[in-house]
């Protein structure tokens, strides 16, 4: 380094985030229900809470719904369904599942218009 040169050292700290979640299940033969919730908080004062429910009928047909709330983003929701089955169509008997989810199209944006990644 030559005399008189400026050296710039920058320091970027990682965003500290705390996450947690819980779920509760109840079985009534032949059905079952699961409730789930999770939350995250970070040092930038941002928070996000998500929750959902799943109804499983006879261990084969599932219906799901969920939602998300956030400090800086608009509320979101989702819907879904699933079907579990066994088949010998493609060789020996195997278990398969078919799932579908509906999520509203679009980017979540903050109130100031910035896109949330």
C-alpha atoms as a PDB file:
ATOM      1  CA  UNK A   1       0.000   0.000   0.000  1.00  0.00           C
ATOM      2  CA  UNK A   2       1.343   3.372  -0.969  1.00  0.00           C
ATOM      3  CA  UNK A   3       1.403   6.233   1.438  1.00  0.00           C
ATOM      4  CA  UNK A   4      -1.778   8.318   1.389  1.00  0.00           C
ATOM      5  CA  UNK A   5      -4.149   5.578   0.107  1.00  0.00           C
ATOM      6  CA  UNK A   6      -7.464   5.267   1.874  1.00  0.00           C
ATOM      7  CA  UNK A   7      -8.614   1.843   2.967  1.00  0.00           C
ATOM      8  CA  UNK A   8     -12.344   1.326   3.435  1.00  0.00           C
ATOM      9  CA  UNK A   9     -13.433  -1.606   5.525  1.00  0.00           C
ATOM     10  CA  UNK A  10     -17.133  -2.315   5.650  1.00  0.00           C
ATOM     11  CA  UNK A  11     -18.925  -4.656   7.983  1.00  0.00           C
ATOM     12  CA  UNK A  12     -22.310  -6.170   7.219  1.00  0.00           C
ATOM     13  CA  UNK A  13     -23.980  -8.026  10.019  1.00  0.00           C
ATOM     14  CA  UNK A  14     -26.397 -10.853   9.388  1.00  0.00           C
ATOM     15  CA  UNK A  15     -30.029 -10.287  10.148  1.00  0.00           C
ATOM     16  CA  UNK A  16     -30.927 -11.965  13.452  1.00  0.00           C
ATOM     17  CA  UNK A  17     -34.238 -13.810  13.273  1.00  0.00           C
ATOM     18  CA  UNK A  18     -36.077 -15.834  15.882  1.00  0.00           C
ATOM     19  CA  UNK A  19     -38.526 -18.459  14.619  1.00  0.00           C
ATOM     20  CA  UNK A  20     -40.900 -20.815  16.366  1.00  0.00           C
ATOM     21  CA  UNK A  21     -43.949 -22.898  15.714  1.00  0.00           C
ATOM     22  CA  UNK A  22     -46.395 -25.373  17.155  1.00  0.00           C
ATOM     23  CA  UNK A  23     -49.057 -27.791  15.992  1.00  0.00           C
ATOM     24  CA  UNK A  24     -51.935 -29.757  17.491  1.00  0.00           C
ATOM     25  CA  UNK A  25     -53.576 -32.867  16.042  1.00  0.00           C
ATOM     26  CA  UNK A  26     -56.778 -34.665  16.950  1.00  0.00           C
ATOM     27  CA  UNK A  27     -57.893 -37.984  15.481  1.00  0.00           C
ATOM     28  CA  UNK A  28     -61.477 -39.136  15.242  1.00  0.00           C
ATOM     29  CA  UNK A  29     -61.669 -42.415  13.394  1.00  0.00           C
ATOM     30  CA  UNK A  30     -61.667 -42.289  10.380  1.00  0.00           C
ATOM     31  CA  UNK A  31     -60.825 -38.546  10.314  1.00  0.00           C
ATOM     32  CA  UNK A  32     -58.082 -36.338  11.684  1.00  0.00           C
ATOM     33  CA  UNK A  33     -57.542 -32.591  12.055  1.00  0.00           C
ATOM     34  CA  UNK A  34     -54.271 -30.695  12.459  1.00  0.00           C
ATOM     35  CA  UNK A  35     -53.872 -27.034  13.441  1.00  0.00           C
ATOM     36  CA  UNK A  36     -50.465 -25.413  12.981  1.00  0.00           C
ATOM     37  CA  UNK A  37     -48.979 -21.970  13.659  1.00  0.00           C
ATOM     38  CA  UNK A  38     -45.533 -20.451  13.316  1.00  0.00           C
ATOM     39  CA  UNK A  39     -44.050 -17.016  13.847  1.00  0.00           C
ATOM     40  CA  UNK A  40     -40.823 -15.194  13.054  1.00  0.00           C
ATOM     41  CA  UNK A  41     -39.396 -11.946  14.429  1.00  0.00           C
ATOM     42  CA  UNK A  42     -36.186 -10.162  13.464  1.00  0.00           C
ATOM     43  CA  UNK A  43     -34.066  -7.262  14.648  1.00  0.00           C
ATOM     44  CA  UNK A  44     -35.480  -4.973  11.948  1.00  0.00           C
ATOM     45  CA  UNK A  45     -38.809  -5.017  13.851  1.00  0.00           C
ATOM     46  CA  UNK A  46     -40.411  -7.175  11.155  1.00  0.00           C
ATOM     47  CA  UNK A  47     -42.723 -10.005  12.169  1.00  0.00           C
ATOM     48  CA  UNK A  48     -44.711 -12.682  10.369  1.00  0.00           C
ATOM     49  CA  UNK A  49     -47.345 -15.071  11.757  1.00  0.00           C
ATOM     50  CA  UNK A  50     -48.723 -17.980   9.728  1.00  0.00           C
ATOM     51  CA  UNK A  51     -51.370 -20.535  10.547  1.00  0.00           C
ATOM     52  CA  UNK A  52     -53.220 -23.345   8.909  1.00  0.00           C
ATOM     53  CA  UNK A  53     -55.626 -26.239   9.277  1.00  0.00           C
ATOM     54  CA  UNK A  54     -55.785 -29.645   7.606  1.00  0.00           C
ATOM     55  CA  UNK A  55     -58.706 -32.083   7.626  1.00  0.00           C
ATOM     56  CA  UNK A  56     -57.789 -35.648   6.684  1.00  0.00           C
ATOM     57  CA  UNK A  57     -60.639 -38.034   5.847  1.00  0.00           C
ATOM     58  CA  UNK A  58     -59.954 -41.789   6.144  1.00  0.00           C
ATOM     59  CA  UNK A  59     -56.213 -41.153   5.789  1.00  0.00           C
ATOM     60  CA  UNK A  60     -56.670 -40.535   2.058  1.00  0.00           C
ATOM     61  CA  UNK A  61     -58.368 -37.222   1.267  1.00  0.00           C
ATOM     62  CA  UNK A  62     -56.951 -34.024   2.776  1.00  0.00           C
ATOM     63  CA  UNK A  63     -58.307 -30.466   2.671  1.00  0.00           C
ATOM     64  CA  UNK A  64     -56.086 -27.576   3.741  1.00  0.00           C
ATOM     65  CA  UNK A  65     -56.365 -23.839   4.344  1.00  0.00           C
ATOM     66  CA  UNK A  66     -53.878 -21.323   5.701  1.00  0.00           C
ATOM     67  CA  UNK A  67     -53.065 -17.667   6.073  1.00  0.00           C
ATOM     68  CA  UNK A  68     -50.205 -15.263   6.780  1.00  0.00           C
ATOM     69  CA  UNK A  69     -50.049 -11.889   8.505  1.00  0.00           C
ATOM     70  CA  UNK A  70     -46.994  -9.661   8.423  1.00  0.00           C
ATOM     71  CA  UNK A  71     -46.087  -6.210   9.628  1.00  0.00           C
ATOM     72  CA  UNK A  72     -44.983  -4.931   6.224  1.00  0.00           C
ATOM     73  CA  UNK A  73     -46.831  -7.197   3.765  1.00  0.00           C
ATOM     74  CA  UNK A  74     -50.474  -7.585   2.904  1.00  0.00           C
ATOM     75  CA  UNK A  75     -52.262 -10.630   4.368  1.00  0.00           C
ATOM     76  CA  UNK A  76     -52.017 -13.815   2.340  1.00  0.00           C
ATOM     77  CA  UNK A  77     -54.005 -17.041   2.177  1.00  0.00           C
ATOM     78  CA  UNK A  78     -53.807 -20.458   0.553  1.00  0.00           C
ATOM     79  CA  UNK A  79     -56.084 -23.430  -0.076  1.00  0.00           C
ATOM     80  CA  UNK A  80     -55.179 -26.991  -0.916  1.00  0.00           C
ATOM     81  CA  UNK A  81     -56.299 -30.581  -1.306  1.00  0.00           C
ATOM     82  CA  UNK A  82     -54.559 -33.916  -1.504  1.00  0.00           C
ATOM     83  CA  UNK A  83     -55.335 -37.546  -2.259  1.00  0.00           C
ATOM     84  CA  UNK A  84     -53.244 -40.573  -1.213  1.00  0.00           C
ATOM     85  CA  UNK A  85     -53.719 -43.883  -2.989  1.00  0.00           C
ATOM     86  CA  UNK A  86     -52.041 -47.200  -3.757  1.00  0.00           C
ATOM     87  CA  UNK A  87     -51.779 -48.601  -7.261  1.00  0.00           C
ATOM     88  CA  UNK A  88     -50.221 -51.378  -9.338  1.00  0.00           C
ATOM     89  CA  UNK A  89     -50.574 -49.384 -12.547  1.00  0.00           C
ATOM     90  CA  UNK A  90     -46.808 -48.853 -12.944  1.00  0.00           C
ATOM     91  CA  UNK A  91     -45.317 -52.123 -11.682  1.00  0.00           C
ATOM     92  CA  UNK A  92     -45.544 -53.459  -8.120  1.00  0.00           C
ATOM     93  CA  UNK A  93     -47.949 -51.914  -5.643  1.00  0.00           C
ATOM     94  CA  UNK A  94     -46.767 -48.485  -4.533  1.00  0.00           C
ATOM     95  CA  UNK A  95     -48.138 -45.520  -2.610  1.00  0.00           C
ATOM     96  CA  UNK A  96     -48.824 -42.282  -4.478  1.00  0.00           C
ATOM     97  CA  UNK A  97     -50.096 -38.864  -3.520  1.00  0.00           C
ATOM     98  CA  UNK A  98     -51.605 -36.123  -5.617  1.00  0.00           C
ATOM     99  CA  UNK A  99     -51.654 -32.599  -4.168  1.00  0.00           C
ATOM    100  CA  UNK A 100     -53.026 -29.286  -5.356  1.00  0.00           C
ATOM    101  CA  UNK A 101     -52.472 -25.850  -3.829  1.00  0.00           C
ATOM    102  CA  UNK A 102     -54.019 -22.479  -4.636  1.00  0.00           C
ATOM    103  CA  UNK A 103     -51.830 -19.484  -3.881  1.00  0.00           C
ATOM    104  CA  UNK A 104     -52.893 -16.032  -5.081  1.00  0.00           C
ATOM    105  CA  UNK A 105     -50.536 -14.927  -7.842  1.00  0.00           C
ATOM    106  CA  UNK A 106     -48.436 -11.864  -7.288  1.00  0.00           C
ATOM    107  CA  UNK A 107     -45.536 -10.566  -5.306  1.00  0.00           C
ATOM    108  CA  UNK A 108     -45.963  -9.579  -1.707  1.00  0.00           C
ATOM    109  CA  UNK A 109     -45.107  -5.915  -1.343  1.00  0.00           C
ATOM    110  CA  UNK A 110     -44.575  -3.626   1.581  1.00  0.00           C
ATOM    111  CA  UNK A 111     -46.650  -0.497   2.083  1.00  0.00           C
ATOM    112  CA  UNK A 112     -43.866   1.548   0.483  1.00  0.00           C
ATOM    113  CA  UNK A 113     -44.009  -0.637  -2.661  1.00  0.00           C
ATOM    114  CA  UNK A 114     -40.802  -2.651  -2.122  1.00  0.00           C
ATOM    115  CA  UNK A 115     -41.032  -6.338  -3.042  1.00  0.00           C
ATOM    116  CA  UNK A 116     -40.580  -8.793  -0.169  1.00  0.00           C
ATOM    117  CA  UNK A 117     -38.117 -11.539  -1.076  1.00  0.00           C
END
